[in-house]
Amino acid sequence: MHSVRAIPLLMLIFWAYFALPIVIGFPIDATYTLVIAIVIYQAAYLGEIIAAGIEGLPKGQMEAAKALGLGYIPTTFRVILPQAIFNVIPGIVNQLTTIIKESSLGSIIAVSELSYVMLQVNSNEVTKPLQIFGILAATYFILCFALSQATNWLERRIANRRTGRVVVEAMG
């Protein structure tokens, strides 16, 4: 997975778009190509995030499960992974923000996503690129800012849960 992280996503998109159809022998829709490239690229990062979450757990967790007579698989799925996933939720949400930003690279291979649509609108409305790309920037900002706020909220909630503080939040 380290080798995938060393490749720029744009290069991976190009390889998936141009080389993958040659390798498998039939054409692939550009949208599927983009999804394949982003999934492969993000899997490397998400794998590292989850591995760090597992490595960050106290070693005594595995030992305690063994002392209780649990085997490797039950220990992994009932003890280790639930704690690790709880610890890495903020990192995973951050990666979702990255995926939103990376989706704009689909415009390079003509995937009809937000950036591509705005490029099309700009080609029709040549006189207003500042407004068009301002709307695009504002849209990406709103999406990413909302996810980053959700991440901050999750991190605070997880930190409070770890310290034993119960936070009562007003609904509404």
Protein backbone atom coordinates (compact mmCIF):
# COMPACT_ATOMS: atom_id res chain seq x y z
CA MET A 1 0.00 0.00 0.00
CA HIS A 2 2.94 2.34 0.51
CA SER A 3 3.64 2.26 -3.23
CA VAL A 4 0.09 3.45 -4.04
CA ARG A 5 0.49 6.41 -1.69
CA ALA A 6 3.68 7.40 -3.53
CA ILE A 7 1.76 7.86 -6.80
CA PRO A 8 -0.10 11.12 -7.43
CA LEU A 9 -3.83 10.48 -7.72
CA LEU A 10 -3.92 12.21 -11.08
CA MET A 11 -1.41 9.68 -12.44
CA LEU A 12 -3.46 6.80 -11.03
CA ILE A 13 -6.57 8.22 -12.73
CA PHE A 14 -4.71 8.42 -16.05
CA TRP A 15 -3.46 4.84 -15.69
CA ALA A 16 -6.94 3.59 -14.85
CA TYR A 17 -8.44 5.55 -17.73
CA PHE A 18 -5.91 4.67 -20.44
CA ALA A 19 -4.18 1.44 -19.34
CA LEU A 20 -6.91 -0.50 -17.52
CA PRO A 21 -9.13 -0.89 -20.62
CA ILE A 22 -6.13 -2.25 -22.54
CA VAL A 23 -5.31 -4.73 -19.77
CA ILE A 24 -8.87 -6.03 -19.33
CA GLY A 25 -9.75 -5.85 -23.03
CA PHE A 26 -12.84 -3.65 -22.98
CA PRO A 27 -13.58 0.05 -22.38
CA ILE A 28 -14.66 1.37 -18.99
CA ASP A 29 -16.88 4.38 -18.44
CA ALA A 30 -14.95 7.43 -17.19
CA THR A 31 -17.06 7.63 -14.02
CA TYR A 32 -16.20 4.03 -13.10
CA THR A 33 -12.56 4.75 -13.87
CA LEU A 34 -12.57 7.69 -11.47
CA VAL A 35 -14.29 5.64 -8.77
CA ILE A 36 -11.80 2.77 -9.20
CA ALA A 37 -8.82 5.14 -8.99
CA ILE A 38 -10.13 6.99 -5.93
CA VAL A 39 -11.06 3.73 -4.16
CA ILE A 40 -7.60 2.25 -4.74
CA TYR A 41 -5.91 5.48 -3.68
CA GLN A 42 -8.04 6.02 -0.58
CA ALA A 43 -7.85 2.36 0.45
CA ALA A 44 -4.13 2.84 0.98
CA TYR A 45 -4.71 5.83 3.26
CA LEU A 46 -7.67 4.31 5.09
CA GLY A 47 -5.67 1.12 5.65
CA GLU A 48 -2.92 3.15 7.29
CA ILE A 49 -5.44 5.03 9.44
CA ILE A 50 -7.01 1.78 10.68
CA ALA A 51 -3.60 0.17 11.23
CA ALA A 52 -2.58 3.19 13.33
CA GLY A 53 -5.82 2.86 15.30
CA ILE A 54 -5.05 -0.79 16.03
CA GLU A 55 -1.41 -0.10 16.91
CA GLY A 56 -2.53 2.72 19.22
CA LEU A 57 -4.48 0.37 21.46
CA PRO A 58 -2.88 -0.82 24.67
CA LYS A 59 -1.15 -4.19 24.22
CA GLY A 60 -3.00 -5.47 27.26
CA GLN A 61 -6.25 -5.63 25.26
CA MET A 62 -5.02 -8.58 23.22
CA GLU A 63 -3.51 -10.24 26.28
CA ALA A 64 -6.70 -9.81 28.30
CA ALA A 65 -8.77 -11.37 25.53
CA LYS A 66 -6.38 -14.33 25.34
CA ALA A 67 -6.58 -14.69 29.13
CA LEU A 68 -10.36 -14.94 28.79
CA GLY A 69 -9.92 -17.75 26.28
CA LEU A 70 -10.87 -15.85 23.14
CA GLY A 71 -9.19 -16.93 19.92
CA TYR A 72 -7.53 -14.61 17.41
CA ILE A 73 -10.61 -13.95 15.25
CA PRO A 74 -13.08 -13.32 18.11
CA THR A 75 -10.48 -11.10 19.77
CA THR A 76 -9.97 -9.14 16.58
CA PHE A 77 -13.66 -8.64 15.81
CA ARG A 78 -15.06 -8.30 19.32
CA VAL A 79 -12.29 -6.51 21.20
CA ILE A 80 -9.68 -4.88 18.97
CA LEU A 81 -11.59 -3.59 15.92
CA PRO A 82 -14.48 -1.97 17.81
CA GLN A 83 -12.01 0.07 19.85
CA ALA A 84 -9.80 0.86 16.87
CA ILE A 85 -12.73 1.97 14.70
CA PHE A 86 -13.95 4.20 17.52
CA ASN A 87 -10.49 5.78 17.66
CA VAL A 88 -10.16 6.36 13.91
CA ILE A 89 -13.59 7.78 13.12
CA PRO A 90 -12.25 11.37 12.94
CA GLY A 91 -9.47 10.29 10.56
CA ILE A 92 -11.97 8.50 8.35
CA VAL A 93 -14.22 11.57 8.22
CA ASN A 94 -11.16 13.65 7.25
CA GLN A 95 -10.54 11.23 4.39
CA LEU A 96 -14.13 11.76 3.23
CA THR A 97 -13.31 15.46 2.95
CA THR A 98 -10.28 14.55 0.86
CA ILE A 99 -12.42 12.37 -1.42
CA ILE A 100 -14.75 15.31 -2.08
CA LYS A 101 -11.79 17.44 -3.09
CA GLU A 102 -10.21 14.65 -5.16
CA SER A 103 -13.42 14.09 -7.12
CA SER A 104 -12.67 17.34 -8.95
CA LEU A 105 -9.86 15.51 -10.77
CA GLY A 106 -12.58 13.66 -12.67
CA SER A 107 -12.95 16.73 -14.86
CA ILE A 108 -9.60 15.78 -16.45
CA ILE A 109 -11.18 12.64 -17.96
CA ALA A 110 -14.55 14.31 -18.65
CA VAL A 111 -16.47 12.83 -15.73
CA SER A 112 -19.59 14.92 -15.29
CA GLU A 113 -18.89 16.03 -11.73
CA LEU A 114 -19.09 19.48 -10.18
CA SER A 115 -15.83 20.89 -11.58
CA TYR A 116 -16.49 19.51 -15.06
CA VAL A 117 -19.99 20.97 -15.10
CA MET A 118 -18.62 24.35 -14.04
CA LEU A 119 -16.01 24.15 -16.82
CA GLN A 120 -18.86 23.50 -19.27
CA VAL A 121 -20.84 26.42 -17.89
CA ASN A 122 -17.75 28.62 -18.14
CA SER A 123 -17.26 27.67 -21.79
CA ASN A 124 -20.84 28.82 -22.47
CA GLU A 125 -20.63 31.96 -20.30
CA VAL A 126 -17.15 33.23 -21.21
CA THR A 127 -17.73 36.62 -19.69
CA LYS A 128 -18.20 35.45 -16.08
CA PRO A 129 -15.44 32.99 -15.07
CA LEU A 130 -14.88 34.71 -11.72
CA GLN A 131 -18.48 34.22 -10.66
CA ILE A 132 -18.66 30.66 -12.00
CA PHE A 133 -15.47 29.50 -10.34
CA GLY A 134 -16.35 31.50 -7.23
CA ILE A 135 -19.53 29.44 -6.94
CA LEU A 136 -17.46 26.27 -7.44
CA ALA A 137 -15.00 27.31 -4.72
CA ALA A 138 -17.84 28.24 -2.36
CA THR A 139 -19.54 24.89 -2.96
CA TYR A 140 -16.37 22.92 -2.21
CA PHE A 141 -15.71 25.13 0.81
CA ILE A 142 -19.20 24.58 2.23
CA LEU A 143 -19.02 20.80 1.76
CA CYS A 144 -15.53 20.48 3.21
CA PHE A 145 -16.14 22.95 6.03
CA ALA A 146 -19.28 21.07 7.08
CA LEU A 147 -17.36 17.79 7.15
CA SER A 148 -14.49 19.37 9.08
CA GLN A 149 -16.95 20.73 11.64
CA ALA A 150 -18.46 17.26 11.93
CA THR A 151 -14.96 15.91 12.50
CA ASN A 152 -14.28 18.47 15.22
CA TRP A 153 -17.57 17.60 16.90
CA LEU A 154 -16.74 13.87 16.74
CA GLU A 155 -13.24 14.44 18.14
CA ARG A 156 -14.66 16.43 21.09
CA ARG A 157 -17.29 13.80 21.73
CA ILE A 158 -14.73 10.98 21.62
CA ALA A 159 -12.36 12.92 23.89
CA ASN A 160 -15.19 13.54 26.37
CA ARG A 161 -16.16 9.88 26.32
CA ARG A 162 -12.55 8.83 26.96
CA THR A 163 -12.26 11.14 29.95
CA GLY A 164 -15.62 10.02 31.29
CA ARG A 165 -17.28 13.41 30.92
CA VAL A 166 -20.86 13.31 29.78
CA VAL A 167 -21.83 16.24 27.65
CA VAL A 168 -25.48 17.17 27.43
CA GLU A 169 -26.10 18.92 24.16
CA ALA A 170 -29.17 20.97 23.43
CA MET A 171 -31.24 19.62 20.59
CA GLY A 172 -32.62 22.10 18.16
